[in-house]
Structure formats: structure tokens, C-alpha cells
Amino acid sequence: MKLNKKLMATGVLAASLFAGQAWGAVSAGEAAKLGDTLTPMGAEKAGNGGAIPAWTGGLKTPPAGYKGDGIYVNPFPNETPEFVIDQSNVDQYADKLSPGQVAMIRQYPDYKLPVYPTHRTAVYPQDIMDETVKNATASELIQGGNGIGNYANATPFPIPQNGLEVIWNHITRYRGGSVQRNVGQATPTAGGDFSVVKFQDELTWNSYLTDYTPGQDDNVLFFFKQAITGPARLAGNVLLVHETLDQVKEPRRAWIYNAGQRRVRRAPQVAYDGPGTAADGMRTSDNFDMFNGAPDRYNWELIGKKEMYVPYNSYKLVDRSLTYDEIIKPGHINQDLARYELHRVWHVRATLKEGERHVYAQRDFYIDEDTWQASVIDHYDGRGELWRVAEAHSMQFYDQEVPWYAIEVLYDLLSGRYLALGLTNEENNPYTFGVERQSRDFTPAALRRAGTR
């Protein structure tokens, strides 16, 4: 596996590109906890003396039956729920749920949380964990928290001191270096009718380009290309993003190729609360990957850490024997296929800054301590009313040592509709890791080639 290089150089870049106050690095004494009482990624190694076990290195060995083909089999096929949280007992467990989860249970009589034994399967490649340990004493928030200095592209703040550092850990987390996936997105009506929009996504970190050299476009964190492959009326449209690390200094670069017009255009609307791609108004641009993009429109408060029932080890949702009809149901996905476990999460609250605009006035994030992935996010509208509830049904890609999502869901409590993104059950070659890409593959000129019908 290719060792990550420094994306944020310690000298010239930090001085010239990101001028301003810096804070974030911890002392060597604090960093010494990593690999001792803390995992290399910053989670508590110890269990809680009950349902949460100690971390012992994560799931690295594929289970019997895995063929190395990106079709991930369930490593816990014989486990059954220990109990189920539903309308009959939600008050008993509400302190370990988000307000949004509670609202979903109360709104839908058939919405339930099957709770299974907790497995701390998360692990990252050794070089990523090594770089994360180094980042602890080096990485700093600069530009008022809108950029990171002295950063190697692993987790920058394994021992976070504020809410914004936790969010940057989510934004920058490792997802395989260079990967291609074929996934589906559904936005069912309140009655359950749906069609699937199919995407081919490519995600490549800057330093994983085969022609990368140190100092090459170093404010770019990663490149993302998303081509719609179905249905026919949308096929051929392509989105290209150069995700800049400091999007205030240099806004995200985005282009769209419209197959019908055969034109490439800049797409500044692909940011913040701009509409999500082919999402029927059911998500904003920054709802993708649970949350992405510049954090500058919000104030970020670290509420603390808590134990919570979150979707985890969600291998049932990628079972190839299932059809999308068996997953997508009215109001919510088929919760019989969901799996929840008790894990420790960081609770971060984002509130809209005075004078800024966004459809979400407040967002409450619950970030898994082992992976830095957002597990649950509650979204509030301008009146302060709970509006949307996002859940990431995560899994460990055990052959790649990559934690990621099986699917993401975003429930709209007001309309009774929702979005499910990342469906792979009916897709060919759902995930391919180690894809080789060059910088020329992520230029606006490459969009027309990618969008040919």
C-alpha cells in the first residue's frame, strides 16, 4: 500500500496559504496515550465494563466465504438481537439515543432498533495509524479553524480539544486512498414508490495520484468524480469536484457535464445547502457522506462523549440476496435488516453563525470514537424544530482495513420521505480499491469522456 505523503507542508504552505491563528496540536505527553490507553486513532482502548468491549485491534481477517471480490459477507451471521427498541420501551433507552432517533420511533409504529452485541471491528492500515499518531503533536487548526496546517493525510486530531477538530477528523478520514464504487440512490415517496438512480463514484486522495509529486496542488485534499449511469434520462451527467482543504481561502472547485447539452460548466452550487445530485430535494450538497465541505458557516461546540446505540457492522444491508424492494419501505428502510450496537460517540453541536445562511440552523453530530465517522446527525430548521435525521449504517471493509458506510439514510420527519444512498445489492463491482488514477483523470476536459452515453 502506498504510504501517505505530507499534504500540508510544515513550512511555506502553512505560512503563505493559511495565514492566521493556529491551535490544535497536543503535547508529547498527551500524545503518548495513543497506543497505550488510547487506540492509535484516539479512541478509548478499554471497554465500559459492560456491553462495550475493549479494542483489541479490529477486524483484519476476512470471514470464511469472502472471495476477495468486494462482495462483503457478514462476519457475524449467527448473531441475533439482544433486544429491540421500539415504541413500547423507547423512554427506557432515550438517554442513549439521539432526539432524532427517538422521533423516528415515535413517528413510525414499525420503526425499531434491533440491538446486537457490540464488536469493535474498526481498524485502519498501519501507515494511516502511524501518521495519525504523528499528527497529534503537529496538526493545527488555522484560518479561524477553516484549514489545517502541518498535516499528513490521516486523522489530524486523534485527541480533539474542541468540536471543530472532531468534525475535521470526520471530513479528512481515510477511505481507501483511491477507490471506485457503483452504488444506487433511492428517494421513495411517502407511500414507498421509488426508482433508483445509479452512480459510478471515483474518490482519489491527492497523494494517491500516480503522478503526484510533493507540493502538487497541496490545498486539494481529494478528487471526486460521480457519473450517473442510470436511469437513461439522467445517464451521462457527471460531477467533478476538487475538494480543497481550506474552502474559505479557495472555494471547492466543481464542474458538471450535462450530457444533453454536451457542455461542461462550473458548479458553485455544489456546496453548503445547494441541492444534492439527483436527490429530488431530499438532501443538500453537504449532506453527502453525512457531512462534507467547508465548516465556516457554523459555530462548533463539543458537548462531550457519550454511549449511544448507533448503526454498526451493517453487513445485512449489503447482502447480495436482497433486492432493493426488500430494503426500501414506506417512511424508512427495512429495520429488520438494520443492526445497532452500543458505542462511544463524540457529540458536537453546530449552530449557524449570525449573518450566515443555511437551511439547517442547527446540526447535532454523533461521531464514532473508533472511526471518526458520523454515525447519526440530527438536523433542525430555522424555527428550531427537528427536521431531518441522518443515520450511517457503517461496516468494516475488512480486506482493506477501511471503515466506511454500507448505506446512508436521511429521513425527513415533516414530509415522511427519505433518501437512501450507497445501495449495492443489485450493482456489479460495487467497490474496487487501489484504482490507479492520474491528475488528468480529474480535469474538466475529462468530464466529456466520462459522460459519453
Protein backbone atom coordinates (compact mmCIF):
# COMPACT_ATOMS: atom_id res chain seq x y z
CA MET A 1 0.00 0.00 0.00
CA LYS A 2 1.26 3.46 -0.89
CA LEU A 3 2.44 5.44 2.15
CA ASN A 4 0.68 8.78 2.53
CA LYS A 5 2.75 11.88 1.90
CA LYS A 6 2.51 15.25 3.60
CA LEU A 7 -0.35 17.19 2.08
CA MET A 8 0.15 20.21 4.26
CA ALA A 9 3.83 21.09 4.26
CA THR A 10 5.15 22.40 7.55
CA GLY A 11 6.82 25.48 6.16
CA VAL A 12 5.94 27.51 3.09
CA LEU A 13 2.32 26.36 2.72
CA ALA A 14 1.35 26.97 6.32
CA ALA A 15 2.96 30.41 6.20
CA SER A 16 1.66 31.62 2.86
CA LEU A 17 -1.57 29.78 2.09
CA PHE A 18 -3.07 29.73 5.56
CA ALA A 19 -2.19 32.89 7.42
CA GLY A 20 -3.84 33.38 10.80
CA GLN A 21 -4.15 31.94 14.26
CA ALA A 22 -3.19 28.29 14.79
CA TRP A 23 -4.16 25.87 17.54
CA GLY A 24 -4.74 22.17 17.96
CA ALA A 25 -1.52 20.18 18.47
CA VAL A 26 -1.26 18.38 21.82
CA SER A 27 1.84 17.88 23.94
CA ALA A 28 4.12 14.88 23.57
CA GLY A 29 2.92 13.71 26.96
CA GLU A 30 -0.69 13.70 25.82
CA ALA A 31 0.19 12.05 22.52
CA ALA A 32 1.93 9.25 24.43
CA LYS A 33 -1.53 7.96 25.34
CA LEU A 34 -2.02 6.90 21.71
CA GLY A 35 -1.33 3.19 21.53
CA ASP A 36 -1.38 2.99 25.32
CA THR A 37 -4.69 3.89 26.97
CA LEU A 38 -5.98 5.16 23.64
CA THR A 39 -6.01 3.39 20.29
CA PRO A 40 -3.71 4.86 17.61
CA MET A 41 -6.80 6.67 16.29
CA GLY A 42 -7.63 8.23 19.67
CA ALA A 43 -10.49 6.05 20.96
CA GLU A 44 -10.55 4.67 24.48
CA LYS A 45 -8.95 1.23 24.35
CA ALA A 46 -10.79 -0.05 27.40
CA GLY A 47 -14.35 -1.22 27.37
CA ASN A 48 -17.02 0.15 29.69
CA GLY A 49 -17.19 -2.89 31.94
CA GLY A 50 -20.40 -3.93 30.23
CA ALA A 51 -21.68 -4.05 26.66
CA ILE A 52 -18.74 -2.18 25.10
CA PRO A 53 -15.64 -4.42 24.90
CA ALA A 54 -12.03 -3.34 24.80
CA TRP A 55 -10.48 -2.61 21.41
CA THR A 56 -8.12 -5.45 20.52
CA GLY A 57 -7.01 -4.46 17.03
CA GLY A 58 -10.17 -4.55 14.95
CA LEU A 59 -11.34 -6.93 12.23
CA LYS A 60 -8.50 -7.60 9.79
CA THR A 61 -9.14 -11.21 8.78
CA PRO A 62 -11.92 -11.74 6.24
CA PRO A 63 -14.53 -14.28 7.35
CA ALA A 64 -14.98 -17.65 5.70
CA GLY A 65 -16.79 -17.29 2.42
CA TYR A 66 -15.26 -13.96 1.39
CA LYS A 67 -13.80 -14.29 -2.12
CA GLY A 68 -11.84 -11.04 -2.26
CA ASP A 69 -14.26 -9.67 -4.84
CA GLY A 70 -15.69 -6.69 -2.97
CA ILE A 71 -18.85 -8.63 -2.09
CA TYR A 72 -18.67 -8.39 1.70
CA VAL A 73 -20.09 -11.30 3.67
CA ASN A 74 -21.36 -10.97 7.22
CA PRO A 75 -18.72 -11.96 9.81
CA PHE A 76 -21.48 -12.40 12.43
CA PRO A 77 -24.11 -14.41 10.53
CA ASN A 78 -25.48 -16.31 13.52
CA GLU A 79 -25.99 -13.41 15.91
CA THR A 80 -29.49 -12.31 16.86
CA PRO A 81 -30.67 -9.11 18.57
CA GLU A 82 -30.24 -8.99 22.33
CA PHE A 83 -33.29 -6.72 22.49
CA VAL A 84 -35.28 -4.33 20.32
CA ILE A 85 -36.01 -0.66 20.99
CA ASP A 86 -39.46 0.37 19.78
CA GLN A 87 -42.45 2.45 20.88
CA SER A 88 -43.08 0.19 23.84
CA ASN A 89 -39.73 0.89 25.54
CA VAL A 90 -38.15 3.92 23.86
CA ASP A 91 -38.35 6.02 27.03
CA GLN A 92 -36.22 3.42 28.83
CA TYR A 93 -33.38 3.87 26.32
CA ALA A 94 -33.83 7.52 25.29
CA ASP A 95 -30.68 8.64 27.12
CA LYS A 96 -28.64 6.50 24.70
CA LEU A 97 -30.43 7.70 21.57
CA SER A 98 -30.44 10.99 19.71
CA PRO A 99 -33.62 13.09 19.75
CA GLY A 100 -33.95 12.26 16.06
CA GLN A 101 -33.83 8.53 16.66
CA VAL A 102 -36.47 8.87 19.36
CA ALA A 103 -38.62 10.95 16.99
CA MET A 104 -38.40 8.28 14.28
CA ILE A 105 -39.53 5.59 16.71
CA ARG A 106 -42.44 7.70 17.90
CA GLN A 107 -43.49 8.69 14.38
CA TYR A 108 -43.47 5.21 12.83
CA PRO A 109 -45.04 2.29 14.75
CA ASP A 110 -42.93 -0.21 12.77
CA TYR A 111 -39.64 1.66 13.21
CA LYS A 112 -37.39 -0.20 15.63
CA LEU A 113 -33.75 -0.54 16.58
CA PRO A 114 -32.55 -4.16 16.81
CA VAL A 115 -29.64 -4.07 19.29
CA TYR A 116 -26.87 -6.65 18.82
CA PRO A 117 -23.67 -7.43 20.73
CA THR A 118 -21.05 -4.73 20.29
CA HIS A 119 -17.99 -5.56 18.18
CA ARG A 120 -15.18 -3.01 17.86
CA THR A 121 -14.23 -4.06 14.34
CA ALA A 122 -12.73 -0.73 13.26
CA VAL A 123 -9.11 -0.60 12.21
CA TYR A 124 -7.11 1.43 9.70
CA PRO A 125 -3.92 0.48 7.81
CA GLN A 126 -0.78 0.69 9.92
CA ASP A 127 0.71 3.63 7.99
CA ILE A 128 -2.50 5.61 8.48
CA MET A 129 -2.44 4.93 12.22
CA ASP A 130 1.26 5.85 12.39
CA GLU A 131 0.63 9.14 10.59
CA THR A 132 -2.30 9.84 12.90
CA VAL A 133 -0.04 9.48 15.94
CA LYS A 134 2.42 11.93 14.34
CA ASN A 135 -0.37 14.37 13.54
CA ALA A 136 -1.33 14.59 17.22
CA THR A 137 1.67 16.79 18.03
CA ALA A 138 1.81 18.59 14.68
CA SER A 139 -1.57 19.28 13.08
CA GLU A 140 -3.13 22.65 13.84
CA LEU A 141 -6.35 24.44 13.02
CA ILE A 142 -5.60 27.68 11.21
CA GLN A 143 -7.58 30.33 9.34
CA GLY A 144 -10.05 30.50 12.23
CA GLY A 145 -10.47 26.74 12.06
CA ASN A 146 -11.15 26.62 8.31
CA GLY A 147 -7.86 24.96 7.39
CA ILE A 148 -5.29 22.57 8.82
CA GLY A 149 -1.55 23.18 8.97
CA ASN A 150 1.27 20.67 9.44
CA TYR A 151 -0.98 17.86 8.30
CA ALA A 152 -0.31 14.43 6.80
CA ASN A 153 -3.44 12.99 5.23
CA ALA A 154 -4.52 10.72 8.03
CA THR A 155 -6.66 11.75 11.02
CA PRO A 156 -5.36 15.18 12.10
CA PHE A 157 -6.65 15.40 15.71
CA PRO A 158 -6.79 11.99 17.42
CA ILE A 159 -7.01 13.77 20.79
CA PRO A 160 -9.50 16.54 19.96
CA GLN A 161 -9.79 19.66 22.10
CA ASN A 162 -12.88 21.18 20.50
CA GLY A 163 -15.82 20.36 18.29
CA LEU A 164 -14.27 21.63 15.08
CA GLU A 165 -11.34 19.25 15.46
CA VAL A 166 -13.78 16.34 15.75
CA ILE A 167 -15.52 17.46 12.55
CA TRP A 168 -12.22 17.76 10.68
CA ASN A 169 -11.45 14.20 11.74
CA HIS A 170 -14.65 13.11 10.00
CA ILE A 171 -14.01 15.20 6.88
CA THR A 172 -10.43 14.03 6.39
CA ARG A 173 -10.73 10.40 7.48
CA TYR A 174 -9.11 7.71 5.33
CA ARG A 175 -11.42 5.95 2.88
CA GLY A 176 -9.04 3.77 0.95
CA GLY A 177 -6.73 6.17 -0.88
CA SER A 178 -8.14 5.58 -4.36
CA VAL A 179 -11.44 3.75 -4.80
CA GLN A 180 -14.24 3.32 -7.34
CA ARG A 181 -17.75 2.28 -6.39
CA ASN A 182 -21.03 1.56 -8.18
CA VAL A 183 -23.98 2.44 -5.97
CA GLY A 184 -27.67 3.28 -6.07
CA GLN A 185 -29.69 6.10 -4.53
CA ALA A 186 -33.42 5.95 -3.80
CA THR A 187 -35.81 8.73 -2.72
CA PRO A 188 -39.11 6.93 -2.13
CA THR A 189 -42.42 8.73 -1.88
CA ALA A 190 -44.29 8.66 1.42
CA GLY A 191 -46.19 5.68 0.04
CA GLY A 192 -42.98 3.79 -0.74
CA ASP A 193 -42.80 4.11 -4.54
CA PHE A 194 -39.24 4.61 -5.77
CA SER A 195 -36.82 4.34 -8.65
CA VAL A 196 -33.07 4.01 -8.28
CA VAL A 197 -30.52 6.48 -9.60
CA LYS A 198 -27.23 4.68 -10.22
CA PHE A 199 -23.83 6.28 -9.79
CA GLN A 200 -20.25 5.37 -10.53
CA ASP A 201 -18.15 7.27 -8.00
CA GLU A 202 -14.40 7.74 -8.01
CA LEU A 203 -12.58 9.08 -4.95
CA THR A 204 -8.81 9.60 -5.04
CA TRP A 205 -6.69 11.41 -2.48
CA ASN A 206 -4.23 13.86 -3.97
CA SER A 207 -1.17 11.93 -2.75
CA TYR A 208 -2.52 8.70 -4.27
CA LEU A 209 -2.40 10.03 -7.83
CA THR A 210 0.18 8.01 -9.72
CA ASP A 211 1.78 11.23 -11.00
CA TYR A 212 1.71 13.01 -7.63
CA THR A 213 4.79 14.94 -6.57
CA PRO A 214 5.17 16.77 -3.21
CA GLY A 215 3.84 20.29 -3.45
CA GLN A 216 1.44 19.44 -6.28
CA ASP A 217 -1.85 21.29 -5.73
CA ASP A 218 -1.43 20.84 -2.00
CA ASN A 219 -4.62 22.60 -0.98
CA VAL A 220 -6.56 19.79 -2.67
CA LEU A 221 -7.49 17.07 -0.19
CA PHE A 222 -9.03 14.68 -2.72
CA PHE A 223 -10.63 14.42 -6.16
CA PHE A 224 -14.17 13.12 -6.61
CA LYS A 225 -15.95 12.22 -9.83
CA GLN A 226 -19.55 11.00 -9.96
CA ALA A 227 -21.12 9.78 -13.19
CA ILE A 228 -24.81 8.91 -13.38
CA THR A 229 -25.19 5.55 -15.13
CA GLY A 230 -28.98 5.17 -14.85
CA PRO A 231 -31.81 5.76 -15.48
CA ALA A 232 -31.44 6.61 -19.16
CA ARG A 233 -32.90 10.11 -18.81
CA LEU A 234 -30.05 11.09 -16.45
CA ALA A 235 -27.26 8.82 -17.68
CA GLY A 236 -24.11 10.57 -18.82
CA ASN A 237 -24.31 13.54 -16.46
CA VAL A 238 -21.07 13.84 -14.48
CA LEU A 239 -19.99 15.83 -11.43
CA LEU A 240 -16.31 16.61 -10.79
CA VAL A 241 -15.04 18.03 -7.50
CA HIS A 242 -11.60 19.11 -6.37
CA GLU A 243 -12.10 19.17 -2.61
CA THR A 244 -9.95 21.97 -1.23
CA LEU A 245 -8.80 21.76 2.34
CA ASP A 246 -9.38 25.45 3.10
CA GLN A 247 -12.60 26.23 1.19
CA VAL A 248 -12.73 29.77 2.52
CA LYS A 249 -9.32 30.63 1.11
CA GLU A 250 -10.09 28.73 -2.09
CA PRO A 251 -13.67 27.51 -2.60
CA ARG A 252 -14.32 23.95 -3.66
CA ARG A 253 -13.74 23.56 -7.40
CA ALA A 254 -16.70 21.85 -9.02
CA TRP A 255 -17.86 21.25 -12.58
CA ILE A 256 -20.87 19.49 -14.11
CA TYR A 257 -21.05 17.88 -17.52
CA ASN A 258 -24.58 17.90 -18.92
CA ALA A 259 -24.89 15.04 -21.39
CA GLY A 260 -27.94 16.53 -23.10
CA GLN A 261 -26.19 19.83 -23.79
CA ARG A 262 -22.72 18.29 -24.15
CA ARG A 263 -21.35 21.16 -22.10
CA VAL A 264 -19.08 21.44 -19.08
CA ARG A 265 -19.94 24.21 -16.64
CA ARG A 266 -18.60 25.41 -13.31
CA ALA A 267 -20.90 24.39 -10.46
CA PRO A 268 -20.53 26.71 -7.46
CA GLN A 269 -23.91 25.47 -6.20
CA VAL A 270 -22.31 22.13 -5.28
CA ALA A 271 -21.60 23.27 -1.73
CA TYR A 272 -23.32 24.02 1.57
CA ASP A 273 -27.12 23.76 1.13
CA GLY A 274 -27.08 23.57 -2.65
CA PRO A 275 -29.24 20.70 -3.94
CA GLY A 276 -27.80 17.19 -3.86
CA THR A 277 -27.29 15.35 -7.15
CA ALA A 278 -30.50 13.72 -8.48
CA ALA A 279 -31.85 13.70 -4.90
CA ASP A 280 -35.35 15.08 -5.56
CA GLY A 281 -34.74 17.81 -2.98
CA MET A 282 -34.15 15.27 -0.23
CA ARG A 283 -30.60 16.30 0.67
CA THR A 284 -28.23 19.22 0.47
CA SER A 285 -24.77 19.05 -1.07
CA ASP A 286 -23.18 18.96 2.38
CA ASN A 287 -25.40 16.05 3.47
CA PHE A 288 -23.33 13.73 1.26
CA ASP A 289 -21.07 11.43 3.31
CA MET A 290 -23.23 12.58 6.24
CA PHE A 291 -21.36 15.92 6.20
CA ASN A 292 -18.76 17.37 3.88
CA GLY A 293 -17.26 20.67 2.86
CA ALA A 294 -16.33 23.94 4.50
CA PRO A 295 -17.25 24.32 8.19
CA ASP A 296 -17.15 28.12 8.22
CA ARG A 297 -20.90 28.86 8.42
CA TYR A 298 -21.32 27.24 11.84
CA ASN A 299 -20.12 27.61 15.38
CA TRP A 300 -18.96 24.22 16.68
CA GLU A 301 -19.43 23.18 20.28
CA LEU A 302 -18.01 19.98 21.76
CA ILE A 303 -20.75 18.72 24.08
CA GLY A 304 -18.75 15.69 25.16
CA LYS A 305 -18.60 11.93 24.77
CA LYS A 306 -21.46 9.55 25.47
CA GLU A 307 -22.58 5.96 24.98
CA MET A 308 -25.17 5.56 22.26
CA TYR A 309 -26.96 2.94 20.16
CA VAL A 310 -25.77 3.55 16.61
CA PRO A 311 -25.89 1.59 13.34
CA TYR A 312 -22.78 -0.60 13.19
CA ASN A 313 -21.45 -3.70 11.42
CA SER A 314 -24.35 -3.38 8.99
CA TYR A 315 -23.45 -6.29 6.72
CA LYS A 316 -27.06 -7.42 6.30
CA LEU A 317 -27.70 -4.29 4.25
CA VAL A 318 -25.14 -5.32 1.62
CA ASP A 319 -26.39 -8.91 1.35
CA ARG A 320 -26.48 -9.82 -2.35
CA SER A 321 -29.54 -12.00 -1.89
CA LEU A 322 -31.62 -8.90 -1.13
CA THR A 323 -33.35 -6.75 -3.70
CA TYR A 324 -33.89 -3.03 -3.31
CA ASP A 325 -37.60 -3.71 -2.90
CA GLU A 326 -36.77 -5.63 0.27
CA ILE A 327 -34.75 -2.72 1.69
CA ILE A 328 -36.74 0.37 0.66
CA LYS A 329 -40.04 0.63 2.54
CA PRO A 330 -42.53 3.48 3.17
CA GLY A 331 -41.18 6.00 5.68
CA HIS A 332 -37.87 4.27 6.34
CA ILE A 333 -35.66 1.38 5.29
CA ASN A 334 -36.48 -2.15 6.43
CA GLN A 335 -35.30 -2.00 10.04
CA ASP A 336 -35.31 -5.80 10.31
CA LEU A 337 -32.11 -5.58 8.24
CA ALA A 338 -30.52 -2.92 10.44
CA ARG A 339 -28.07 -3.60 13.24
CA TYR A 340 -27.42 -1.29 16.20
CA GLU A 341 -24.68 -1.60 18.79
CA LEU A 342 -23.67 0.38 21.87
CA HIS A 343 -20.61 2.51 21.10
CA ARG A 344 -18.99 5.65 22.45
CA VAL A 345 -19.52 8.74 20.31
CA TRP A 346 -18.43 12.36 20.35
CA HIS A 347 -21.38 14.76 20.48
CA VAL A 348 -20.75 18.00 18.57
CA ARG A 349 -23.34 20.74 18.08
CA ALA A 350 -23.19 23.10 15.10
CA THR A 351 -25.20 26.33 15.27
CA LEU A 352 -25.48 28.74 12.37
CA LYS A 353 -23.33 31.83 12.77
CA GLU A 354 -25.02 35.21 12.92
CA GLY A 355 -25.33 36.62 9.41
CA GLU A 356 -24.77 33.28 7.69
CA ARG A 357 -27.38 31.36 5.70
CA HIS A 358 -28.16 27.65 5.60
CA VAL A 359 -31.39 25.63 5.60
CA TYR A 360 -30.16 23.84 8.73
CA ALA A 361 -29.94 26.23 11.67
CA GLN A 362 -28.53 23.55 13.96
CA ARG A 363 -26.99 20.13 13.49
CA ASP A 364 -26.12 17.67 16.26
CA PHE A 365 -23.38 15.24 15.25
CA TYR A 366 -22.67 11.91 16.93
CA ILE A 367 -19.22 10.78 15.75
CA ASP A 368 -17.98 7.23 16.38
CA GLU A 369 -14.83 7.28 18.52
CA ASP A 370 -13.17 4.32 16.73
CA THR A 371 -13.55 5.57 13.14
CA TRP A 372 -14.30 9.34 13.35
CA GLN A 373 -17.25 8.66 11.05
CA ALA A 374 -20.52 10.44 11.68
CA SER A 375 -22.98 7.79 12.88
CA VAL A 376 -26.08 9.95 13.45
CA ILE A 377 -26.81 13.62 12.70
CA ASP A 378 -29.97 15.46 13.76
CA HIS A 379 -30.88 18.50 11.65
CA TYR A 380 -33.02 21.43 12.86
CA ASP A 381 -34.75 24.07 10.75
CA GLY A 382 -34.77 27.84 11.23
CA ARG A 383 -37.60 27.59 13.77
CA GLY A 384 -35.54 25.27 15.93
CA GLU A 385 -37.73 22.27 15.04
CA LEU A 386 -36.24 18.84 14.41
CA TRP A 387 -36.45 18.31 10.66
CA ARG A 388 -34.18 15.58 9.31
CA VAL A 389 -32.41 12.60 10.86
CA ALA A 390 -29.36 11.03 9.21
CA GLU A 391 -28.03 7.59 10.05
CA ALA A 392 -24.91 5.98 8.63
CA HIS A 393 -25.13 2.20 8.61
CA SER A 394 -21.42 1.50 8.84
CA MET A 395 -19.30 -1.58 8.23
CA GLN A 396 -15.65 -2.57 8.19
CA PHE A 397 -14.21 -3.32 4.76
CA TYR A 398 -12.04 -5.95 6.38
CA ASP A 399 -9.81 -6.84 3.44
CA GLN A 400 -8.85 -3.16 3.03
CA GLU A 401 -8.81 -2.13 6.71
CA VAL A 402 -11.24 0.65 5.83
CA PRO A 403 -14.27 1.61 7.94
CA TRP A 404 -16.96 3.13 5.73
CA TYR A 405 -20.71 3.09 5.17
CA ALA A 406 -22.92 0.30 3.86
CA ILE A 407 -25.62 2.91 3.19
CA GLU A 408 -26.53 6.39 4.40
CA VAL A 409 -30.13 7.34 5.08
CA LEU A 410 -31.60 10.80 5.61
CA TYR A 411 -35.15 10.86 6.98
CA ASP A 412 -37.42 13.89 6.61
CA LEU A 413 -39.78 13.94 9.59
CA LEU A 414 -42.02 16.58 8.02
CA SER A 415 -42.63 15.09 4.57
CA GLY A 416 -42.48 11.43 5.56
CA ARG A 417 -39.94 10.83 2.81
CA TYR A 418 -36.28 9.89 2.91
CA LEU A 419 -33.14 9.28 0.88
CA ALA A 420 -31.04 6.12 0.89
CA LEU A 421 -27.60 6.37 -0.72
CA GLY A 422 -24.93 3.72 -1.27
CA LEU A 423 -27.11 0.75 -2.18
CA THR A 424 -25.01 -2.03 -3.72
CA ASN A 425 -27.14 -5.20 -3.58
CA GLU A 426 -28.06 -5.12 -7.26
CA GLU A 427 -24.86 -3.46 -8.56
CA ASN A 428 -21.94 -5.10 -10.35
CA ASN A 429 -18.44 -4.47 -8.96
CA PRO A 430 -19.70 -2.39 -6.06
CA TYR A 431 -16.27 -1.49 -4.64
CA THR A 432 -12.82 -1.53 -6.23
CA PHE A 433 -9.92 -0.34 -4.09
CA GLY A 434 -6.43 0.52 -5.30
CA VAL A 435 -7.63 2.13 -8.53
CA GLU A 436 -4.78 3.91 -10.33
CA ARG A 437 -5.60 7.47 -11.40
CA GLN A 438 -3.59 10.41 -12.72
CA SER A 439 -4.28 14.11 -12.31
CA ARG A 440 -5.50 14.27 -15.93
CA ASP A 441 -8.39 11.94 -14.98
CA PHE A 442 -9.84 14.69 -12.81
CA THR A 443 -9.76 17.66 -15.17
CA PRO A 444 -12.82 19.37 -16.67
CA ALA A 445 -11.69 18.04 -20.05
CA ALA A 446 -12.07 14.50 -18.71
CA LEU A 447 -15.75 15.05 -17.93
CA ARG A 448 -16.87 14.74 -21.55
CA ARG A 449 -15.10 11.38 -21.85
CA ALA A 450 -16.67 10.15 -18.62
CA GLY A 451 -20.12 11.29 -19.67
CA THR A 452 -20.30 9.67 -23.11
CA ARG A 453 -23.56 7.76 -23.40
